[in-house]
Amino acid sequence: MKLLKKEDLINLIIKKLNFPKKKYKNTASLNSFEDWDSIGHLNIMLQLDQKLSGKAKSIKELADANTVEKIEKILRKKKLLK
């Protein structure tokens, strides 16, 4: 099973939302990113699913995760994040 590193998760979100890495904070939420709307969230979920070999699409909680911290917690709980 493929695991994602925390740094890779953060980089994935920053890249998908066109956000400057130097402005990123661990408490970032959808309110922190101009591009974190429904389309932005879908792009994050699609990229996560690709990186995790199809495992993300079966995790319903990810659809409602509106902070980086929540996404991280869910992935750790599911043992998909190092």
PDB file of N, CA and C in Angstrom:
ATOM      1  N   MET A   1       0.834  -1.180   0.000  1.00  0.00           N
ATOM      2  CA  MET A   1       0.000   0.000   0.000  1.00  0.00           C
ATOM      3  C   MET A   1       0.880   1.244   0.000  1.00  0.00           C
ATOM      4  N   LYS A   2       0.527   2.194  -0.808  1.00  0.00           N
ATOM      5  CA  LYS A   2       1.297   3.422  -0.936  1.00  0.00           C
ATOM      6  C   LYS A   2       0.889   4.416   0.153  1.00  0.00           C
ATOM      7  N   LEU A   3       1.889   4.966   0.853  1.00  0.00           N
ATOM      8  CA  LEU A   3       1.644   5.975   1.881  1.00  0.00           C
ATOM      9  C   LEU A   3       2.116   7.333   1.391  1.00  0.00           C
ATOM     10  N   LEU A   4       1.449   8.354   1.850  1.00  0.00           N
ATOM     11  CA  LEU A   4       1.783   9.720   1.494  1.00  0.00           C
ATOM     12  C   LEU A   4       2.517  10.360   2.670  1.00  0.00           C
ATOM     13  N   LYS A   5       3.539  11.124   2.394  1.00  0.00           N
ATOM     14  CA  LYS A   5       4.239  11.873   3.435  1.00  0.00           C
ATOM     15  C   LYS A   5       3.489  13.175   3.678  1.00  0.00           C
ATOM     16  N   LYS A   6       3.589  13.694   4.910  1.00  0.00           N
ATOM     17  CA  LYS A   6       2.919  14.947   5.241  1.00  0.00           C
ATOM     18  C   LYS A   6       3.370  16.071   4.310  1.00  0.00           C
ATOM     19  N   GLU A   7       4.647  16.146   4.051  1.00  0.00           N
ATOM     20  CA  GLU A   7       5.179  17.185   3.161  1.00  0.00           C
ATOM     21  C   GLU A   7       4.585  17.064   1.762  1.00  0.00           C
ATOM     22  N   ASP A   8       4.406  15.829   1.287  1.00  0.00           N
ATOM     23  CA  ASP A   8       3.806  15.612  -0.033  1.00  0.00           C
ATOM     24  C   ASP A   8       2.345  16.062  -0.051  1.00  0.00           C
ATOM     25  N   LEU A   9       1.629  15.810   1.048  1.00  0.00           N
ATOM     26  CA  LEU A   9       0.240  16.246   1.161  1.00  0.00           C
ATOM     27  C   LEU A   9       0.158  17.771   1.082  1.00  0.00           C
ATOM     28  N   ILE A  10       0.994  18.443   1.843  1.00  0.00           N
ATOM     29  CA  ILE A  10       1.002  19.904   1.849  1.00  0.00           C
ATOM     30  C   ILE A  10       1.361  20.448   0.472  1.00  0.00           C
ATOM     31  N   ASN A  11       2.382  19.886  -0.142  1.00  0.00           N
ATOM     32  CA  ASN A  11       2.785  20.331  -1.482  1.00  0.00           C
ATOM     33  C   ASN A  11       1.675  20.108  -2.507  1.00  0.00           C
ATOM     34  N   LEU A  12       0.973  18.999  -2.390  1.00  0.00           N
ATOM     35  CA  LEU A  12      -0.132  18.689  -3.287  1.00  0.00           C
ATOM     36  C   LEU A  12      -1.225  19.752  -3.163  1.00  0.00           C
ATOM     37  N   ILE A  13      -1.593  20.087  -1.937  1.00  0.00           N
ATOM     38  CA  ILE A  13      -2.649  21.073  -1.709  1.00  0.00           C
ATOM     39  C   ILE A  13      -2.213  22.448  -2.195  1.00  0.00           C
ATOM     40  N   ILE A  14      -0.995  22.844  -1.859  1.00  0.00           N
ATOM     41  CA  ILE A  14      -0.479  24.145  -2.285  1.00  0.00           C
ATOM     42  C   ILE A  14      -0.457  24.248  -3.810  1.00  0.00           C
ATOM     43  N   LYS A  15      -0.007  23.187  -4.453  1.00  0.00           N
ATOM     44  CA  LYS A  15       0.080  23.196  -5.916  1.00  0.00           C
ATOM     45  C   LYS A  15      -1.308  23.258  -6.554  1.00  0.00           C
ATOM     46  N   LYS A  16      -2.228  22.448  -6.057  1.00  0.00           N
ATOM     47  CA  LYS A  16      -3.576  22.417  -6.640  1.00  0.00           C
ATOM     48  C   LYS A  16      -4.332  23.723  -6.434  1.00  0.00           C
ATOM     49  N   LEU A  17      -3.974  24.466  -5.391  1.00  0.00           N
ATOM     50  CA  LEU A  17      -4.680  25.710  -5.087  1.00  0.00           C
ATOM     51  C   LEU A  17      -3.883  26.959  -5.456  1.00  0.00           C
ATOM     52  N   ASN A  18      -2.770  26.775  -6.144  1.00  0.00           N
ATOM     53  CA  ASN A  18      -1.944  27.907  -6.571  1.00  0.00           C
ATOM     54  C   ASN A  18      -1.636  28.868  -5.424  1.00  0.00           C
ATOM     55  N   PHE A  19      -1.128  28.317  -4.341  1.00  0.00           N
ATOM     56  CA  PHE A  19      -0.859  29.098  -3.133  1.00  0.00           C
ATOM     57  C   PHE A  19       0.647  29.169  -2.902  1.00  0.00           C
ATOM     58  N   PRO A  20       1.180  30.345  -2.566  1.00  0.00           N
ATOM     59  CA  PRO A  20       2.624  30.456  -2.312  1.00  0.00           C
ATOM     60  C   PRO A  20       3.027  29.660  -1.063  1.00  0.00           C
ATOM     61  N   LYS A  21       3.986  28.776  -1.220  1.00  0.00           N
ATOM     62  CA  LYS A  21       4.390  27.909  -0.117  1.00  0.00           C
ATOM     63  C   LYS A  21       4.863  28.697   1.097  1.00  0.00           C
ATOM     64  N   LYS A  22       5.507  29.830   0.882  1.00  0.00           N
ATOM     65  CA  LYS A  22       6.032  30.593   2.010  1.00  0.00           C
ATOM     66  C   LYS A  22       4.914  31.173   2.878  1.00  0.00           C
ATOM     67  N   LYS A  23       3.691  31.266   2.365  1.00  0.00           N
ATOM     68  CA  LYS A  23       2.565  31.783   3.139  1.00  0.00           C
ATOM     69  C   LYS A  23       1.766  30.678   3.830  1.00  0.00           C
ATOM     70  N   TYR A  24       2.116  29.429   3.559  1.00  0.00           N
ATOM     71  CA  TYR A  24       1.366  28.299   4.111  1.00  0.00           C
ATOM     72  C   TYR A  24       1.554  28.179   5.616  1.00  0.00           C
ATOM     73  N   LYS A  25       0.468  27.875   6.321  1.00  0.00           N
ATOM     74  CA  LYS A  25       0.491  27.580   7.758  1.00  0.00           C
ATOM     75  C   LYS A  25      -0.256  26.276   7.975  1.00  0.00           C
ATOM     76  N   ASN A  26       0.122  25.524   8.994  1.00  0.00           N
ATOM     77  CA  ASN A  26      -0.497  24.231   9.268  1.00  0.00           C
ATOM     78  C   ASN A  26      -1.993  24.348   9.558  1.00  0.00           C
ATOM     79  N   THR A  27      -2.444  25.517   9.973  1.00  0.00           N
ATOM     80  CA  THR A  27      -3.860  25.705  10.291  1.00  0.00           C
ATOM     81  C   THR A  27      -4.672  26.143   9.074  1.00  0.00           C
ATOM     82  N   ALA A  28      -4.089  26.059   7.907  1.00  0.00           N
ATOM     83  CA  ALA A  28      -4.758  26.508   6.691  1.00  0.00           C
ATOM     84  C   ALA A  28      -6.090  25.790   6.493  1.00  0.00           C
ATOM     85  N   SER A  29      -7.059  26.579   6.053  1.00  0.00           N
ATOM     86  CA  SER A  29      -8.390  26.034   5.791  1.00  0.00           C
ATOM     87  C   SER A  29      -8.871  26.559   4.443  1.00  0.00           C
ATOM     88  N   LEU A  30     -10.089  26.174   4.083  1.00  0.00           N
ATOM     89  CA  LEU A  30     -10.608  26.647   2.806  1.00  0.00           C
ATOM     90  C   LEU A  30     -10.711  28.165   2.780  1.00  0.00           C
ATOM     91  N   ASN A  31     -10.800  28.804   3.945  1.00  0.00           N
ATOM     92  CA  ASN A  31     -10.838  30.271   3.999  1.00  0.00           C
ATOM     93  C   ASN A  31      -9.459  30.889   3.760  1.00  0.00           C
ATOM     94  N   SER A  32      -8.403  30.111   3.902  1.00  0.00           N
ATOM     95  CA  SER A  32      -7.040  30.594   3.707  1.00  0.00           C
ATOM     96  C   SER A  32      -6.654  30.667   2.229  1.00  0.00           C
ATOM     97  N   PHE A  33      -7.318  29.877   1.418  1.00  0.00           N
ATOM     98  CA  PHE A  33      -6.971  29.750   0.008  1.00  0.00           C
ATOM     99  C   PHE A  33      -8.092  30.301  -0.863  1.00  0.00           C
ATOM    100  N   GLU A  34      -7.763  31.253  -1.696  1.00  0.00           N
ATOM    101  CA  GLU A  34      -8.758  31.828  -2.603  1.00  0.00           C
ATOM    102  C   GLU A  34      -9.345  30.755  -3.522  1.00  0.00           C
ATOM    103  N   ASP A  35      -8.521  29.821  -3.952  1.00  0.00           N
ATOM    104  CA  ASP A  35      -8.963  28.800  -4.902  1.00  0.00           C
ATOM    105  C   ASP A  35      -9.529  27.536  -4.247  1.00  0.00           C
ATOM    106  N   TRP A  36      -9.670  27.531  -2.906  1.00  0.00           N
ATOM    107  CA  TRP A  36     -10.230  26.338  -2.259  1.00  0.00           C
ATOM    108  C   TRP A  36     -11.745  26.472  -2.226  1.00  0.00           C
ATOM    109  N   ASP A  37     -12.347  26.235  -3.362  1.00  0.00           N
ATOM    110  CA  ASP A  37     -13.791  26.199  -3.492  1.00  0.00           C
ATOM    111  C   ASP A  37     -14.168  24.757  -3.821  1.00  0.00           C
ATOM    112  N   SER A  38     -15.378  24.528  -4.288  1.00  0.00           N
ATOM    113  CA  SER A  38     -15.791  23.145  -4.567  1.00  0.00           C
ATOM    114  C   SER A  38     -14.928  22.503  -5.658  1.00  0.00           C
ATOM    115  N   ILE A  39     -14.557  23.274  -6.668  1.00  0.00           N
ATOM    116  CA  ILE A  39     -13.698  22.743  -7.738  1.00  0.00           C
ATOM    117  C   ILE A  39     -12.290  22.488  -7.202  1.00  0.00           C
ATOM    118  N   GLY A  40     -11.778  23.412  -6.414  1.00  0.00           N
ATOM    119  CA  GLY A  40     -10.460  23.232  -5.802  1.00  0.00           C
ATOM    120  C   GLY A  40     -10.427  22.004  -4.912  1.00  0.00           C
ATOM    121  N   HIS A  41     -11.492  21.813  -4.142  1.00  0.00           N
ATOM    122  CA  HIS A  41     -11.557  20.650  -3.254  1.00  0.00           C
ATOM    123  C   HIS A  41     -11.601  19.360  -4.066  1.00  0.00           C
ATOM    124  N   LEU A  42     -12.372  19.375  -5.127  1.00  0.00           N
ATOM    125  CA  LEU A  42     -12.450  18.201  -6.003  1.00  0.00           C
ATOM    126  C   LEU A  42     -11.075  17.889  -6.603  1.00  0.00           C
ATOM    127  N   ASN A  43     -10.356  18.917  -7.022  1.00  0.00           N
ATOM    128  CA  ASN A  43      -9.009  18.713  -7.563  1.00  0.00           C
ATOM    129  C   ASN A  43      -8.076  18.107  -6.528  1.00  0.00           C
ATOM    130  N   ILE A  44      -8.176  18.570  -5.277  1.00  0.00           N
ATOM    131  CA  ILE A  44      -7.362  17.993  -4.201  1.00  0.00           C
ATOM    132  C   ILE A  44      -7.715  16.524  -4.016  1.00  0.00           C
ATOM    133  N   MET A  45      -9.010  16.219  -3.968  1.00  0.00           N
ATOM    134  CA  MET A  45      -9.448  14.832  -3.758  1.00  0.00           C
ATOM    135  C   MET A  45      -9.014  13.920  -4.904  1.00  0.00           C
ATOM    136  N   LEU A  46      -9.118  14.414  -6.126  1.00  0.00           N
ATOM    137  CA  LEU A  46      -8.693  13.610  -7.282  1.00  0.00           C
ATOM    138  C   LEU A  46      -7.195  13.333  -7.246  1.00  0.00           C
ATOM    139  N   GLN A  47      -6.417  14.347  -6.901  1.00  0.00           N
ATOM    140  CA  GLN A  47      -4.963  14.174  -6.821  1.00  0.00           C
ATOM    141  C   GLN A  47      -4.592  13.235  -5.674  1.00  0.00           C
ATOM    142  N   LEU A  48      -5.276  13.378  -4.533  1.00  0.00           N
ATOM    143  CA  LEU A  48      -5.029  12.471  -3.407  1.00  0.00           C
ATOM    144  C   LEU A  48      -5.329  11.028  -3.814  1.00  0.00           C
ATOM    145  N   ASP A  49      -6.457  10.835  -4.486  1.00  0.00           N
ATOM    146  CA  ASP A  49      -6.833   9.492  -4.911  1.00  0.00           C
ATOM    147  C   ASP A  49      -5.794   8.902  -5.854  1.00  0.00           C
ATOM    148  N   GLN A  50      -5.290   9.723  -6.750  1.00  0.00           N
ATOM    149  CA  GLN A  50      -4.254   9.252  -7.677  1.00  0.00           C
ATOM    150  C   GLN A  50      -2.986   8.878  -6.909  1.00  0.00           C
ATOM    151  N   LYS A  51      -2.557   9.734  -5.991  1.00  0.00           N
ATOM    152  CA  LYS A  51      -1.327   9.481  -5.222  1.00  0.00           C
ATOM    153  C   LYS A  51      -1.459   8.265  -4.314  1.00  0.00           C
ATOM    154  N   LEU A  52      -2.690   7.981  -3.866  1.00  0.00           N
ATOM    155  CA  LEU A  52      -2.916   6.878  -2.930  1.00  0.00           C
ATOM    156  C   LEU A  52      -3.495   5.639  -3.622  1.00  0.00           C
ATOM    157  N   SER A  53      -3.279   5.543  -4.897  1.00  0.00           N
ATOM    158  CA  SER A  53      -3.685   4.370  -5.686  1.00  0.00           C
ATOM    159  C   SER A  53      -5.164   4.021  -5.520  1.00  0.00           C
ATOM    160  N   GLY A  54      -6.016   5.040  -5.553  1.00  0.00           N
ATOM    161  CA  GLY A  54      -7.459   4.807  -5.507  1.00  0.00           C
ATOM    162  C   GLY A  54      -8.058   4.672  -4.128  1.00  0.00           C
ATOM    163  N   LYS A  55      -7.275   4.822  -3.084  1.00  0.00           N
ATOM    164  CA  LYS A  55      -7.768   4.635  -1.710  1.00  0.00           C
ATOM    165  C   LYS A  55      -8.601   5.824  -1.203  1.00  0.00           C
ATOM    166  N   ALA A  56      -8.335   7.023  -1.669  1.00  0.00           N
ATOM    167  CA  ALA A  56      -8.994   8.221  -1.136  1.00  0.00           C
ATOM    168  C   ALA A  56     -10.485   8.278  -1.486  1.00  0.00           C
ATOM    169  N   LYS A  57     -10.861   7.779  -2.639  1.00  0.00           N
ATOM    170  CA  LYS A  57     -12.261   7.898  -3.055  1.00  0.00           C
ATOM    171  C   LYS A  57     -13.216   7.121  -2.163  1.00  0.00           C
ATOM    172  N   SER A  58     -12.721   6.146  -1.428  1.00  0.00           N
ATOM    173  CA  SER A  58     -13.588   5.375  -0.535  1.00  0.00           C
ATOM    174  C   SER A  58     -13.677   5.975   0.870  1.00  0.00           C
ATOM    175  N   ILE A  59     -13.012   7.105   1.103  1.00  0.00           N
ATOM    176  CA  ILE A  59     -13.025   7.741   2.423  1.00  0.00           C
ATOM    177  C   ILE A  59     -14.000   8.916   2.379  1.00  0.00           C
ATOM    178  N   LYS A  60     -15.216   8.680   2.838  1.00  0.00           N
ATOM    179  CA  LYS A  60     -16.285   9.679   2.747  1.00  0.00           C
ATOM    180  C   LYS A  60     -15.972  10.955   3.522  1.00  0.00           C
ATOM    181  N   GLU A  61     -15.257  10.847   4.648  1.00  0.00           N
ATOM    182  CA  GLU A  61     -14.951  12.012   5.485  1.00  0.00           C
ATOM    183  C   GLU A  61     -14.128  13.059   4.738  1.00  0.00           C
ATOM    184  N   LEU A  62     -13.356  12.649   3.755  1.00  0.00           N
ATOM    185  CA  LEU A  62     -12.520  13.581   3.004  1.00  0.00           C
ATOM    186  C   LEU A  62     -13.353  14.621   2.250  1.00  0.00           C
ATOM    187  N   ALA A  63     -14.548  14.251   1.854  1.00  0.00           N
ATOM    188  CA  ALA A  63     -15.402  15.180   1.113  1.00  0.00           C
ATOM    189  C   ALA A  63     -15.759  16.408   1.959  1.00  0.00           C
ATOM    190  N   ASP A  64     -15.830  16.239   3.276  1.00  0.00           N
ATOM    191  CA  ASP A  64     -16.194  17.338   4.171  1.00  0.00           C
ATOM    192  C   ASP A  64     -15.004  17.972   4.867  1.00  0.00           C
ATOM    193  N   ALA A  65     -13.817  17.464   4.641  1.00  0.00           N
ATOM    194  CA  ALA A  65     -12.618  17.979   5.311  1.00  0.00           C
ATOM    195  C   ALA A  65     -12.256  19.331   4.710  1.00  0.00           C
ATOM    196  N   ASN A  66     -12.430  20.392   5.502  1.00  0.00           N
ATOM    197  CA  ASN A  66     -12.216  21.739   4.975  1.00  0.00           C
ATOM    198  C   ASN A  66     -10.976  22.425   5.545  1.00  0.00           C
ATOM    199  N   THR A  67     -10.096  21.640   6.127  1.00  0.00           N
ATOM    200  CA  THR A  67      -8.797  22.167   6.564  1.00  0.00           C
ATOM    201  C   THR A  67      -7.722  21.138   6.226  1.00  0.00           C
ATOM    202  N   VAL A  68      -6.508  21.617   6.107  1.00  0.00           N
ATOM    203  CA  VAL A  68      -5.384  20.716   5.860  1.00  0.00           C
ATOM    204  C   VAL A  68      -5.249  19.763   7.047  1.00  0.00           C
ATOM    205  N   GLU A  69      -5.434  20.294   8.244  1.00  0.00           N
ATOM    206  CA  GLU A  69      -5.319  19.479   9.453  1.00  0.00           C
ATOM    207  C   GLU A  69      -6.339  18.338   9.464  1.00  0.00           C
ATOM    208  N   LYS A  70      -7.575  18.602   9.040  1.00  0.00           N
ATOM    209  CA  LYS A  70      -8.602  17.547   8.994  1.00  0.00           C
ATOM    210  C   LYS A  70      -8.241  16.480   7.970  1.00  0.00           C
ATOM    211  N   ILE A  71      -7.774  16.903   6.812  1.00  0.00           N
ATOM    212  CA  ILE A  71      -7.363  15.939   5.791  1.00  0.00           C
ATOM    213  C   ILE A  71      -6.233  15.071   6.339  1.00  0.00           C
ATOM    214  N   GLU A  72      -5.275  15.713   6.978  1.00  0.00           N
ATOM    215  CA  GLU A  72      -4.144  14.993   7.564  1.00  0.00           C
ATOM    216  C   GLU A  72      -4.620  13.982   8.610  1.00  0.00           C
ATOM    217  N   LYS A  73      -5.523  14.390   9.504  1.00  0.00           N
ATOM    218  CA  LYS A  73      -6.040  13.493  10.551  1.00  0.00           C
ATOM    219  C   LYS A  73      -6.747  12.277   9.957  1.00  0.00           C
ATOM    220  N   ILE A  74      -7.567  12.530   8.955  1.00  0.00           N
ATOM    221  CA  ILE A  74      -8.305  11.442   8.314  1.00  0.00           C
ATOM    222  C   ILE A  74      -7.347  10.458   7.664  1.00  0.00           C
ATOM    223  N   LEU A  75      -6.359  10.966   6.952  1.00  0.00           N
ATOM    224  CA  LEU A  75      -5.399  10.084   6.278  1.00  0.00           C
ATOM    225  C   LEU A  75      -4.555   9.308   7.285  1.00  0.00           C
ATOM    226  N   ARG A  76      -4.210   9.934   8.405  1.00  0.00           N
ATOM    227  CA  ARG A  76      -3.465   9.217   9.457  1.00  0.00           C
ATOM    228  C   ARG A  76      -4.329   8.106  10.055  1.00  0.00           C
ATOM    229  N   LYS A  77      -5.575   8.433  10.332  1.00  0.00           N
ATOM    230  CA  LYS A  77      -6.518   7.453  10.904  1.00  0.00           C
ATOM    231  C   LYS A  77      -6.658   6.235   9.982  1.00  0.00           C
ATOM    232  N   LYS A  78      -6.656   6.495   8.698  1.00  0.00           N
ATOM    233  CA  LYS A  78      -6.801   5.413   7.708  1.00  0.00           C
ATOM    234  C   LYS A  78      -5.455   4.787   7.353  1.00  0.00           C
ATOM    235  N   LYS A  79      -4.395   5.236   8.034  1.00  0.00           N
ATOM    236  CA  LYS A  79      -3.027   4.725   7.839  1.00  0.00           C
ATOM    237  C   LYS A  79      -2.543   4.913   6.395  1.00  0.00           C
ATOM    238  N   LEU A  80      -2.859   6.094   5.846  1.00  0.00           N
ATOM    239  CA  LEU A  80      -2.421   6.443   4.500  1.00  0.00           C
ATOM    240  C   LEU A  80      -1.416   7.575   4.478  1.00  0.00           C
ATOM    241  N   LEU A  81      -1.066   8.096   5.664  1.00  0.00           N
ATOM    242  CA  LEU A  81      -0.127   9.192   5.768  1.00  0.00           C
ATOM    243  C   LEU A  81       0.964   8.801   6.751  1.00  0.00           C
ATOM    244  N   LYS A  82       2.222   9.014   6.338  1.00  0.00           N
ATOM    245  CA  LYS A  82       3.366   8.702   7.203  1.00  0.00           C
ATOM    246  C   LYS A  82       3.489   9.729   8.294  1.00  0.00           C
TER     247      LYS A  82
END
